[in-house]
Amino acid sequence: MKLNYFIQQSLYILHYRCIKRTSNFLNNIWLVINGMKIGKGTRLSKCNVTWPHQVSIGNYCTLENNIFFKYDGIWKVGPSIIIKDNVFIGNNCEFNITTKIIIENDCLIASGCKFIDHNHNFSSVTKLIRKQVSTNKPIHIGPNVWLGYNVVVLMGVEIGEGAVVAAGAVVVKSIPPFEIWGGVPAKKIRNR
């Protein structure tokens, strides 16, 4: 019994503490060489990045697995995806950005959240939608904001300090500070 326990614990430590950390460390070095800014004390797991120089991550952040940083455009000077200090971002989040997103200090972003700062234009019925010029506006997430599981934040949205957005909400307009919102589209539920 004790031998079996010892073997399981040893394999766990070897896999998760040694091999995985070494792999993440080497991946982070590769991202930094390619222009990503990663702050001191930040834990960044395996992620997908189209243009590493477009991403800036502050100090003491925790970013879980399978986050997709997609700068949707041609090469330009960055960064366009700015994550400040002490931010937590859960598994499988997606940043689909053409203009800019700023996430201020101390935010909690649950797994599966999506941020999209652009939209297709469909005002002309004589042109194909894919050939019409898209519209875009930056996204700003204030300090100490909590976004629940699978929240979608669309272009031009500003979420004020200390706001909370319920799981599954689609945020299409700005949220004032210290309010709780939820639903599709998101509406005010109450003040904090």
N, C-alpha and C. Protein backbone atom coordinates (compact mmCIF):
# COMPACT_ATOMS: atom_id res chain seq x y z
N MET A 1 0.82 -1.19 0.00
CA MET A 1 0.00 0.00 0.00
C MET A 1 0.87 1.26 0.00
N LYS A 2 1.85 1.29 0.90
CA LYS A 2 2.71 2.47 0.98
C LYS A 2 3.58 2.60 -0.28
N LEU A 3 4.03 1.49 -0.82
CA LEU A 3 4.85 1.54 -2.03
C LEU A 3 4.02 2.07 -3.21
N ASN A 4 2.79 1.61 -3.34
CA ASN A 4 1.90 2.07 -4.40
C ASN A 4 1.67 3.58 -4.27
N TYR A 5 1.41 4.06 -3.06
CA TYR A 5 1.21 5.49 -2.80
C TYR A 5 2.46 6.27 -3.17
N PHE A 6 3.63 5.78 -2.76
CA PHE A 6 4.89 6.44 -3.04
C PHE A 6 5.14 6.55 -4.54
N ILE A 7 4.85 5.49 -5.29
CA ILE A 7 5.05 5.50 -6.74
C ILE A 7 4.11 6.51 -7.40
N GLN A 8 2.84 6.53 -7.01
CA GLN A 8 1.88 7.47 -7.58
C GLN A 8 2.29 8.91 -7.30
N GLN A 9 2.68 9.20 -6.08
CA GLN A 9 3.08 10.55 -5.72
C GLN A 9 4.35 10.97 -6.46
N SER A 10 5.27 10.04 -6.60
CA SER A 10 6.52 10.34 -7.33
C SER A 10 6.25 10.67 -8.79
N LEU A 11 5.39 9.87 -9.43
CA LEU A 11 5.04 10.13 -10.83
C LEU A 11 4.30 11.46 -10.98
N TYR A 12 3.42 11.77 -10.05
CA TYR A 12 2.70 13.04 -10.08
C TYR A 12 3.68 14.21 -9.99
N ILE A 13 4.58 14.14 -9.02
CA ILE A 13 5.56 15.21 -8.84
C ILE A 13 6.45 15.34 -10.07
N LEU A 14 6.90 14.22 -10.61
CA LEU A 14 7.74 14.25 -11.80
C LEU A 14 7.01 14.91 -12.96
N HIS A 15 5.77 14.50 -13.19
CA HIS A 15 5.02 15.02 -14.34
C HIS A 15 4.63 16.48 -14.15
N TYR A 16 3.96 16.81 -13.07
CA TYR A 16 3.39 18.15 -12.92
C TYR A 16 4.35 19.19 -12.39
N ARG A 17 5.28 18.79 -11.58
CA ARG A 17 6.18 19.78 -11.02
C ARG A 17 7.47 19.92 -11.80
N CYS A 18 7.93 18.86 -12.40
CA CYS A 18 9.21 18.92 -13.12
C CYS A 18 9.02 19.08 -14.62
N ILE A 19 8.41 18.10 -15.25
CA ILE A 19 8.30 18.11 -16.71
C ILE A 19 7.42 19.26 -17.18
N LYS A 20 6.23 19.44 -16.57
CA LYS A 20 5.31 20.49 -17.01
C LYS A 20 5.89 21.88 -16.76
N ARG A 21 6.48 22.08 -15.61
CA ARG A 21 7.07 23.40 -15.32
C ARG A 21 8.24 23.71 -16.26
N THR A 22 9.05 22.71 -16.54
CA THR A 22 10.16 22.92 -17.47
C THR A 22 9.64 23.25 -18.86
N SER A 23 8.62 22.53 -19.31
CA SER A 23 8.01 22.80 -20.62
C SER A 23 7.43 24.20 -20.68
N ASN A 24 6.70 24.61 -19.63
CA ASN A 24 6.14 25.96 -19.59
C ASN A 24 7.24 27.02 -19.56
N PHE A 25 8.30 26.76 -18.81
CA PHE A 25 9.42 27.70 -18.73
C PHE A 25 10.05 27.91 -20.11
N LEU A 26 10.31 26.81 -20.82
CA LEU A 26 10.89 26.91 -22.16
C LEU A 26 9.94 27.60 -23.14
N ASN A 27 8.64 27.32 -23.03
CA ASN A 27 7.65 27.98 -23.87
C ASN A 27 7.63 29.48 -23.60
N ASN A 28 7.71 29.87 -22.32
CA ASN A 28 7.72 31.30 -21.97
C ASN A 28 8.96 32.00 -22.49
N ILE A 29 10.10 31.32 -22.44
CA ILE A 29 11.33 31.90 -23.01
C ILE A 29 11.14 32.15 -24.50
N TRP A 30 10.55 31.17 -25.19
CA TRP A 30 10.30 31.32 -26.62
C TRP A 30 9.39 32.52 -26.90
N LEU A 31 8.33 32.68 -26.09
CA LEU A 31 7.40 33.80 -26.27
C LEU A 31 8.10 35.14 -26.02
N VAL A 32 8.93 35.21 -24.98
CA VAL A 32 9.66 36.45 -24.67
C VAL A 32 10.63 36.79 -25.79
N ILE A 33 11.32 35.80 -26.33
CA ILE A 33 12.24 36.04 -27.45
C ILE A 33 11.48 36.62 -28.64
N ASN A 34 10.22 36.20 -28.81
CA ASN A 34 9.41 36.69 -29.91
C ASN A 34 8.63 37.96 -29.58
N GLY A 35 8.89 38.58 -28.43
CA GLY A 35 8.35 39.90 -28.14
C GLY A 35 7.29 40.00 -27.07
N MET A 36 6.79 38.88 -26.53
CA MET A 36 5.79 38.98 -25.48
C MET A 36 6.44 39.49 -24.20
N LYS A 37 5.73 40.36 -23.49
CA LYS A 37 6.21 40.84 -22.21
C LYS A 37 5.52 40.05 -21.10
N ILE A 38 6.31 39.38 -20.27
CA ILE A 38 5.78 38.58 -19.17
C ILE A 38 6.42 39.10 -17.89
N GLY A 39 5.58 39.58 -16.96
CA GLY A 39 6.07 40.19 -15.73
C GLY A 39 6.62 39.20 -14.73
N LYS A 40 7.25 39.76 -13.72
CA LYS A 40 7.87 39.00 -12.64
C LYS A 40 6.81 38.23 -11.86
N GLY A 41 7.08 36.96 -11.57
CA GLY A 41 6.19 36.15 -10.76
C GLY A 41 4.94 35.67 -11.47
N THR A 42 4.85 35.89 -12.77
CA THR A 42 3.66 35.47 -13.53
C THR A 42 3.79 34.01 -13.90
N ARG A 43 2.68 33.27 -13.72
CA ARG A 43 2.63 31.86 -14.10
C ARG A 43 1.78 31.74 -15.34
N LEU A 44 2.42 31.40 -16.43
CA LEU A 44 1.76 31.29 -17.73
C LEU A 44 1.89 29.86 -18.22
N SER A 45 0.77 29.16 -18.32
CA SER A 45 0.78 27.80 -18.85
C SER A 45 0.79 27.85 -20.37
N LYS A 46 0.73 26.70 -20.99
CA LYS A 46 0.73 26.61 -22.45
C LYS A 46 -0.42 27.43 -23.03
N CYS A 47 -0.10 28.29 -23.98
CA CYS A 47 -1.12 29.13 -24.61
C CYS A 47 -0.83 29.22 -26.11
N ASN A 48 -1.82 29.70 -26.86
CA ASN A 48 -1.66 29.93 -28.29
C ASN A 48 -1.61 31.42 -28.54
N VAL A 49 -0.64 31.86 -29.35
CA VAL A 49 -0.46 33.29 -29.60
C VAL A 49 -0.16 33.48 -31.09
N THR A 50 -0.92 34.38 -31.74
CA THR A 50 -0.63 34.64 -33.15
C THR A 50 0.54 35.62 -33.32
N TRP A 51 0.55 36.71 -32.55
CA TRP A 51 1.62 37.69 -32.60
C TRP A 51 2.08 37.95 -31.16
N PRO A 52 3.13 37.26 -30.68
CA PRO A 52 3.55 37.41 -29.28
C PRO A 52 3.85 38.85 -28.87
N HIS A 53 4.37 39.66 -29.78
CA HIS A 53 4.72 41.04 -29.41
C HIS A 53 3.48 41.90 -29.14
N GLN A 54 2.29 41.40 -29.44
CA GLN A 54 1.06 42.14 -29.18
C GLN A 54 0.53 41.90 -27.76
N VAL A 55 1.20 41.04 -26.98
CA VAL A 55 0.71 40.68 -25.64
C VAL A 55 1.68 41.18 -24.58
N SER A 56 1.11 41.84 -23.56
CA SER A 56 1.88 42.29 -22.41
C SER A 56 1.16 41.83 -21.14
N ILE A 57 1.85 41.04 -20.32
CA ILE A 57 1.26 40.50 -19.09
C ILE A 57 2.06 41.05 -17.92
N GLY A 58 1.36 41.58 -16.92
CA GLY A 58 2.00 42.21 -15.77
C GLY A 58 2.58 41.22 -14.77
N ASN A 59 2.86 41.74 -13.59
CA ASN A 59 3.49 40.96 -12.53
C ASN A 59 2.47 40.14 -11.74
N TYR A 60 2.89 38.97 -11.29
CA TYR A 60 2.13 38.10 -10.39
C TYR A 60 0.75 37.73 -10.93
N CYS A 61 0.67 37.45 -12.21
CA CYS A 61 -0.57 36.98 -12.84
C CYS A 61 -0.54 35.46 -12.91
N THR A 62 -1.73 34.86 -12.97
CA THR A 62 -1.85 33.43 -13.18
C THR A 62 -2.73 33.20 -14.39
N LEU A 63 -2.19 32.57 -15.40
CA LEU A 63 -2.93 32.26 -16.61
C LEU A 63 -2.92 30.75 -16.80
N GLU A 64 -4.12 30.16 -16.80
CA GLU A 64 -4.23 28.71 -16.90
C GLU A 64 -4.05 28.25 -18.35
N ASN A 65 -4.34 26.98 -18.61
CA ASN A 65 -4.07 26.34 -19.90
C ASN A 65 -4.97 26.81 -21.03
N ASN A 66 -4.45 26.67 -22.25
CA ASN A 66 -5.21 26.81 -23.50
C ASN A 66 -5.83 28.19 -23.70
N ILE A 67 -5.16 29.23 -23.26
CA ILE A 67 -5.63 30.58 -23.54
C ILE A 67 -5.16 30.95 -24.94
N PHE A 68 -6.05 31.58 -25.71
CA PHE A 68 -5.75 31.93 -27.10
C PHE A 68 -5.68 33.45 -27.23
N PHE A 69 -4.48 33.96 -27.48
CA PHE A 69 -4.27 35.38 -27.73
C PHE A 69 -4.20 35.56 -29.24
N LYS A 70 -5.30 36.01 -29.82
CA LYS A 70 -5.37 36.17 -31.27
C LYS A 70 -5.42 37.65 -31.61
N TYR A 71 -4.28 38.18 -32.06
CA TYR A 71 -4.29 39.52 -32.61
C TYR A 71 -4.71 39.35 -34.06
N ASP A 72 -5.89 39.82 -34.39
CA ASP A 72 -6.51 39.57 -35.68
C ASP A 72 -6.19 40.72 -36.64
N GLY A 73 -5.01 40.68 -37.21
CA GLY A 73 -4.61 41.72 -38.15
C GLY A 73 -3.20 41.49 -38.64
N ILE A 74 -2.76 42.41 -39.48
CA ILE A 74 -1.39 42.32 -39.97
C ILE A 74 -0.43 42.84 -38.91
N TRP A 75 0.86 42.62 -39.13
CA TRP A 75 1.86 43.04 -38.16
C TRP A 75 1.80 44.54 -37.93
N LYS A 76 1.82 44.95 -36.69
CA LYS A 76 2.00 46.35 -36.31
C LYS A 76 2.65 46.38 -34.95
N VAL A 77 3.17 47.54 -34.58
CA VAL A 77 3.82 47.69 -33.30
C VAL A 77 2.79 47.47 -32.19
N GLY A 78 3.15 46.74 -31.17
CA GLY A 78 2.22 46.43 -30.08
C GLY A 78 2.67 47.04 -28.78
N PRO A 79 2.07 46.66 -27.68
CA PRO A 79 1.08 45.61 -27.51
C PRO A 79 -0.35 46.12 -27.67
N SER A 80 -1.23 45.22 -28.04
CA SER A 80 -2.66 45.51 -28.14
C SER A 80 -3.46 44.74 -27.11
N ILE A 81 -2.88 43.71 -26.51
CA ILE A 81 -3.53 42.95 -25.44
C ILE A 81 -2.70 43.21 -24.18
N ILE A 82 -3.25 44.03 -23.28
CA ILE A 82 -2.51 44.46 -22.10
C ILE A 82 -3.20 43.94 -20.85
N ILE A 83 -2.50 43.11 -20.12
CA ILE A 83 -3.00 42.53 -18.88
C ILE A 83 -2.09 43.05 -17.78
N LYS A 84 -2.67 43.77 -16.83
CA LYS A 84 -1.85 44.38 -15.77
C LYS A 84 -1.59 43.40 -14.64
N ASP A 85 -1.27 43.86 -13.45
CA ASP A 85 -0.77 43.03 -12.35
C ASP A 85 -1.88 42.26 -11.61
N ASN A 86 -1.50 41.11 -11.04
CA ASN A 86 -2.34 40.30 -10.16
C ASN A 86 -3.65 39.88 -10.80
N VAL A 87 -3.62 39.50 -12.06
CA VAL A 87 -4.82 39.08 -12.79
C VAL A 87 -4.83 37.56 -12.89
N PHE A 88 -6.01 36.97 -12.70
CA PHE A 88 -6.20 35.53 -12.90
C PHE A 88 -7.06 35.34 -14.14
N ILE A 89 -6.61 34.47 -15.06
CA ILE A 89 -7.38 34.13 -16.26
C ILE A 89 -7.46 32.61 -16.33
N GLY A 90 -8.70 32.09 -16.39
CA GLY A 90 -8.94 30.66 -16.38
C GLY A 90 -8.71 29.98 -17.71
N ASN A 91 -8.90 28.67 -17.72
CA ASN A 91 -8.70 27.84 -18.91
C ASN A 91 -9.56 28.30 -20.09
N ASN A 92 -9.06 28.10 -21.28
CA ASN A 92 -9.81 28.23 -22.54
C ASN A 92 -10.41 29.61 -22.79
N CYS A 93 -9.80 30.65 -22.29
CA CYS A 93 -10.25 32.01 -22.61
C CYS A 93 -9.70 32.41 -23.98
N GLU A 94 -10.40 33.32 -24.65
CA GLU A 94 -9.98 33.76 -25.99
C GLU A 94 -10.00 35.27 -26.07
N PHE A 95 -8.89 35.82 -26.57
CA PHE A 95 -8.77 37.25 -26.83
C PHE A 95 -8.68 37.41 -28.33
N ASN A 96 -9.75 37.88 -28.98
CA ASN A 96 -9.81 38.07 -30.43
C ASN A 96 -9.83 39.57 -30.66
N ILE A 97 -8.65 40.16 -30.87
CA ILE A 97 -8.47 41.60 -30.78
C ILE A 97 -7.88 42.16 -32.08
N THR A 98 -8.46 43.28 -32.55
CA THR A 98 -7.87 44.02 -33.66
C THR A 98 -7.42 45.41 -33.22
N THR A 99 -8.05 45.96 -32.20
CA THR A 99 -7.71 47.31 -31.74
C THR A 99 -6.92 47.22 -30.44
N LYS A 100 -7.62 47.03 -29.30
CA LYS A 100 -6.93 46.97 -28.02
C LYS A 100 -7.87 46.46 -26.94
N ILE A 101 -7.28 45.75 -25.99
CA ILE A 101 -7.97 45.40 -24.75
C ILE A 101 -7.01 45.67 -23.61
N ILE A 102 -7.55 46.28 -22.55
CA ILE A 102 -6.77 46.52 -21.34
C ILE A 102 -7.53 45.89 -20.18
N ILE A 103 -6.84 45.04 -19.43
CA ILE A 103 -7.40 44.44 -18.22
C ILE A 103 -6.58 44.99 -17.06
N GLU A 104 -7.25 45.74 -16.20
CA GLU A 104 -6.58 46.40 -15.08
C GLU A 104 -6.22 45.41 -13.98
N ASN A 105 -5.60 45.91 -12.92
CA ASN A 105 -5.09 45.10 -11.81
C ASN A 105 -6.19 44.33 -11.08
N ASP A 106 -5.82 43.18 -10.55
CA ASP A 106 -6.63 42.39 -9.60
C ASP A 106 -7.94 41.86 -10.16
N CYS A 107 -8.01 41.59 -11.45
CA CYS A 107 -9.23 41.03 -12.05
C CYS A 107 -9.23 39.51 -11.97
N LEU A 108 -10.43 38.95 -11.88
CA LEU A 108 -10.63 37.50 -11.91
C LEU A 108 -11.46 37.19 -13.14
N ILE A 109 -10.91 36.41 -14.05
CA ILE A 109 -11.60 36.06 -15.29
C ILE A 109 -11.70 34.54 -15.32
N ALA A 110 -12.93 34.04 -15.23
CA ALA A 110 -13.15 32.60 -15.15
C ALA A 110 -12.90 31.93 -16.50
N SER A 111 -12.90 30.62 -16.50
CA SER A 111 -12.66 29.83 -17.70
C SER A 111 -13.69 30.13 -18.79
N GLY A 112 -13.26 30.05 -20.03
CA GLY A 112 -14.15 30.13 -21.17
C GLY A 112 -14.58 31.52 -21.58
N CYS A 113 -14.06 32.56 -20.97
CA CYS A 113 -14.45 33.93 -21.34
C CYS A 113 -13.89 34.30 -22.70
N LYS A 114 -14.62 35.14 -23.43
CA LYS A 114 -14.20 35.58 -24.76
C LYS A 114 -14.26 37.10 -24.83
N PHE A 115 -13.27 37.69 -25.49
CA PHE A 115 -13.20 39.14 -25.67
C PHE A 115 -13.03 39.40 -27.16
N ILE A 116 -13.97 40.13 -27.75
CA ILE A 116 -13.95 40.39 -29.19
C ILE A 116 -14.18 41.88 -29.41
N ASP A 117 -13.18 42.58 -29.95
CA ASP A 117 -13.29 44.04 -30.09
C ASP A 117 -13.65 44.50 -31.49
N HIS A 118 -14.17 43.61 -32.32
CA HIS A 118 -14.54 43.99 -33.69
C HIS A 118 -15.78 43.22 -34.12
N ASN A 119 -16.39 43.70 -35.20
CA ASN A 119 -17.62 43.09 -35.67
C ASN A 119 -17.71 43.29 -37.18
N HIS A 120 -18.34 42.35 -37.86
CA HIS A 120 -18.55 42.50 -39.30
C HIS A 120 -19.58 43.58 -39.57
N ASN A 121 -19.37 44.31 -40.63
CA ASN A 121 -20.33 45.32 -41.06
C ASN A 121 -21.27 44.65 -42.06
N PHE A 122 -22.55 44.89 -41.93
CA PHE A 122 -23.53 44.29 -42.85
C PHE A 122 -24.55 45.32 -43.31
N SER A 123 -24.15 46.60 -43.31
CA SER A 123 -25.10 47.67 -43.64
C SER A 123 -25.48 47.69 -45.11
N SER A 124 -24.59 47.27 -46.00
CA SER A 124 -24.90 47.27 -47.43
C SER A 124 -25.40 45.88 -47.85
N VAL A 125 -26.57 45.85 -48.47
CA VAL A 125 -27.09 44.55 -48.93
C VAL A 125 -26.57 44.19 -50.31
N THR A 126 -25.90 45.12 -50.98
CA THR A 126 -25.38 44.84 -52.32
C THR A 126 -23.97 44.26 -52.28
N LYS A 127 -23.27 44.36 -51.13
CA LYS A 127 -21.92 43.82 -50.98
C LYS A 127 -21.96 42.58 -50.10
N LEU A 128 -21.02 41.69 -50.34
CA LEU A 128 -20.86 40.55 -49.44
C LEU A 128 -20.45 41.04 -48.06
N ILE A 129 -20.96 40.41 -47.03
CA ILE A 129 -20.63 40.81 -45.66
C ILE A 129 -19.13 40.72 -45.41
N ARG A 130 -18.51 39.66 -45.91
CA ARG A 130 -17.08 39.48 -45.66
C ARG A 130 -16.21 40.53 -46.35
N LYS A 131 -16.77 41.26 -47.34
CA LYS A 131 -16.00 42.29 -48.04
C LYS A 131 -16.25 43.69 -47.51
N GLN A 132 -17.18 43.82 -46.56
CA GLN A 132 -17.44 45.13 -45.98
C GLN A 132 -16.45 45.40 -44.85
N VAL A 133 -16.11 46.67 -44.67
CA VAL A 133 -15.13 47.06 -43.66
C VAL A 133 -15.71 46.80 -42.27
N SER A 134 -14.96 46.08 -41.44
CA SER A 134 -15.44 45.77 -40.09
C SER A 134 -15.34 47.00 -39.19
N THR A 135 -16.16 46.98 -38.13
CA THR A 135 -16.10 48.04 -37.14
C THR A 135 -15.36 47.50 -35.92
N ASN A 136 -14.65 48.38 -35.23
CA ASN A 136 -13.94 47.94 -34.04
C ASN A 136 -13.80 49.07 -33.04
N LYS A 137 -13.83 48.71 -31.77
CA LYS A 137 -13.64 49.64 -30.66
C LYS A 137 -12.95 48.89 -29.54
N PRO A 138 -12.05 49.54 -28.81
CA PRO A 138 -11.31 48.85 -27.75
C PRO A 138 -12.20 48.43 -26.58
N ILE A 139 -11.72 47.45 -25.82
CA ILE A 139 -12.38 46.96 -24.61
C ILE A 139 -11.52 47.36 -23.42
N HIS A 140 -12.18 47.78 -22.33
CA HIS A 140 -11.45 48.14 -21.11
C HIS A 140 -12.13 47.49 -19.92
N ILE A 141 -11.37 46.68 -19.19
CA ILE A 141 -11.86 46.01 -17.98
C ILE A 141 -11.18 46.70 -16.80
N GLY A 142 -11.97 47.35 -15.94
CA GLY A 142 -11.44 48.09 -14.81
C GLY A 142 -10.84 47.20 -13.73
N PRO A 143 -10.26 47.80 -12.69
CA PRO A 143 -9.63 47.01 -11.64
C PRO A 143 -10.66 46.25 -10.79
N ASN A 144 -10.24 45.11 -10.24
CA ASN A 144 -11.01 44.32 -9.31
C ASN A 144 -12.35 43.86 -9.89
N VAL A 145 -12.37 43.50 -11.16
CA VAL A 145 -13.59 43.01 -11.82
C VAL A 145 -13.57 41.49 -11.79
N TRP A 146 -14.76 40.89 -11.63
CA TRP A 146 -14.90 39.43 -11.66
C TRP A 146 -15.85 39.07 -12.78
N LEU A 147 -15.34 38.31 -13.76
CA LEU A 147 -16.15 37.79 -14.86
C LEU A 147 -16.36 36.31 -14.64
N GLY A 148 -17.62 35.87 -14.60
CA GLY A 148 -17.94 34.46 -14.38
C GLY A 148 -17.65 33.61 -15.60
N TYR A 149 -17.91 32.33 -15.46
CA TYR A 149 -17.64 31.33 -16.50
C TYR A 149 -18.36 31.67 -17.81
N ASN A 150 -17.63 31.61 -18.93
CA ASN A 150 -18.16 31.77 -20.29
C ASN A 150 -18.78 33.14 -20.57
N VAL A 151 -18.30 34.18 -19.95
CA VAL A 151 -18.77 35.53 -20.26
C VAL A 151 -18.18 35.96 -21.60
N VAL A 152 -18.99 36.63 -22.43
CA VAL A 152 -18.52 37.18 -23.70
C VAL A 152 -18.59 38.71 -23.59
N VAL A 153 -17.46 39.37 -23.85
CA VAL A 153 -17.39 40.83 -23.81
C VAL A 153 -17.14 41.31 -25.23
N LEU A 154 -18.05 42.14 -25.75
CA LEU A 154 -17.97 42.60 -27.13
C LEU A 154 -17.39 44.00 -27.25
N MET A 155 -17.19 44.45 -28.47
CA MET A 155 -16.45 45.68 -28.77
C MET A 155 -17.03 46.91 -28.08
N GLY A 156 -16.12 47.80 -27.68
CA GLY A 156 -16.49 49.08 -27.11
C GLY A 156 -16.93 49.04 -25.67
N VAL A 157 -16.91 47.89 -25.04
CA VAL A 157 -17.40 47.76 -23.66
C VAL A 157 -16.33 48.22 -22.68
N GLU A 158 -16.79 48.96 -21.67
CA GLU A 158 -15.96 49.30 -20.52
C GLU A 158 -16.66 48.76 -19.29
N ILE A 159 -15.94 47.98 -18.51
CA ILE A 159 -16.49 47.43 -17.27
C ILE A 159 -15.81 48.14 -16.12
N GLY A 160 -16.61 48.82 -15.29
CA GLY A 160 -16.08 49.65 -14.22
C GLY A 160 -15.50 48.87 -13.06
N GLU A 161 -14.78 49.58 -12.22
CA GLU A 161 -14.10 49.00 -11.08
C GLU A 161 -15.06 48.22 -10.19
N GLY A 162 -14.64 47.03 -9.77
CA GLY A 162 -15.38 46.24 -8.82
C GLY A 162 -16.67 45.61 -9.33
N ALA A 163 -16.92 45.67 -10.63
CA ALA A 163 -18.14 45.08 -11.18
C ALA A 163 -18.03 43.56 -11.22
N VAL A 164 -19.20 42.90 -11.22
CA VAL A 164 -19.28 41.44 -11.30
C VAL A 164 -20.21 41.11 -12.45
N VAL A 165 -19.79 40.17 -13.32
CA VAL A 165 -20.63 39.74 -14.44
C VAL A 165 -20.88 38.25 -14.26
N ALA A 166 -22.18 37.87 -14.25
CA ALA A 166 -22.58 36.49 -14.00
C ALA A 166 -22.18 35.56 -15.14
N ALA A 167 -22.04 34.29 -14.83
CA ALA A 167 -21.65 33.28 -15.80
C ALA A 167 -22.59 33.26 -16.99
N GLY A 168 -22.02 33.12 -18.19
CA GLY A 168 -22.79 32.99 -19.42
C GLY A 168 -23.32 34.29 -19.98
N ALA A 169 -23.03 35.41 -19.38
CA ALA A 169 -23.54 36.70 -19.84
C ALA A 169 -22.84 37.12 -21.13
N VAL A 170 -23.58 37.90 -21.94
CA VAL A 170 -23.00 38.52 -23.14
C VAL A 170 -23.08 40.03 -22.92
N VAL A 171 -21.92 40.66 -22.74
CA VAL A 171 -21.85 42.07 -22.40
C VAL A 171 -21.71 42.88 -23.68
N VAL A 172 -22.77 43.65 -24.00
CA VAL A 172 -22.78 44.44 -25.23
C VAL A 172 -22.71 45.94 -24.96
N LYS A 173 -22.89 46.35 -23.69
CA LYS A 173 -22.75 47.76 -23.36
C LYS A 173 -21.99 47.90 -22.05
N SER A 174 -21.49 49.10 -21.81
CA SER A 174 -20.61 49.34 -20.67
C SER A 174 -21.33 49.15 -19.35
N ILE A 175 -20.56 48.73 -18.34
CA ILE A 175 -21.07 48.46 -17.00
C ILE A 175 -20.43 49.44 -16.03
N PRO A 176 -21.26 50.19 -15.27
CA PRO A 176 -20.71 51.12 -14.27
C PRO A 176 -20.00 50.38 -13.13
N PRO A 177 -19.20 51.09 -12.34
CA PRO A 177 -18.49 50.46 -11.23
C PRO A 177 -19.44 49.86 -10.19
N PHE A 178 -19.00 48.79 -9.56
CA PHE A 178 -19.65 48.15 -8.41
C PHE A 178 -21.09 47.73 -8.68
N GLU A 179 -21.36 47.22 -9.87
CA GLU A 179 -22.67 46.68 -10.19
C GLU A 179 -22.53 45.21 -10.57
N ILE A 180 -23.62 44.46 -10.39
CA ILE A 180 -23.67 43.06 -10.78
C ILE A 180 -24.59 42.95 -11.98
N TRP A 181 -24.08 42.35 -13.07
CA TRP A 181 -24.84 42.20 -14.30
C TRP A 181 -24.89 40.73 -14.70
N GLY A 182 -25.92 40.37 -15.46
CA GLY A 182 -26.01 39.00 -15.96
C GLY A 182 -27.05 38.92 -17.06
N GLY A 183 -27.04 37.82 -17.81
CA GLY A 183 -28.03 37.58 -18.85
C GLY A 183 -27.50 37.76 -20.25
N VAL A 184 -28.40 37.52 -21.22
CA VAL A 184 -28.07 37.67 -22.64
C VAL A 184 -29.15 38.51 -23.28
N PRO A 185 -28.88 39.74 -23.68
CA PRO A 185 -27.67 40.51 -23.35
C PRO A 185 -27.66 40.88 -21.87
N ALA A 186 -26.49 41.18 -21.35
CA ALA A 186 -26.32 41.45 -19.93
C ALA A 186 -27.10 42.70 -19.51
N LYS A 187 -27.76 42.59 -18.36
CA LYS A 187 -28.51 43.70 -17.77
C LYS A 187 -28.14 43.78 -16.29
N LYS A 188 -28.37 44.97 -15.71
CA LYS A 188 -28.07 45.16 -14.30
C LYS A 188 -28.99 44.29 -13.45
N ILE A 189 -28.38 43.59 -12.48
CA ILE A 189 -29.14 42.81 -11.51
C ILE A 189 -29.31 43.60 -10.23
N ARG A 190 -28.19 44.13 -9.72
CA ARG A 190 -28.23 44.98 -8.51
C ARG A 190 -26.86 45.60 -8.29
N ASN A 191 -26.79 46.49 -7.29
CA ASN A 191 -25.51 47.05 -6.89
C ASN A 191 -24.82 46.09 -5.93
N ARG A 192 -23.51 46.21 -5.84
CA ARG A 192 -22.76 45.41 -4.87
C ARG A 192 -22.90 46.00 -3.49
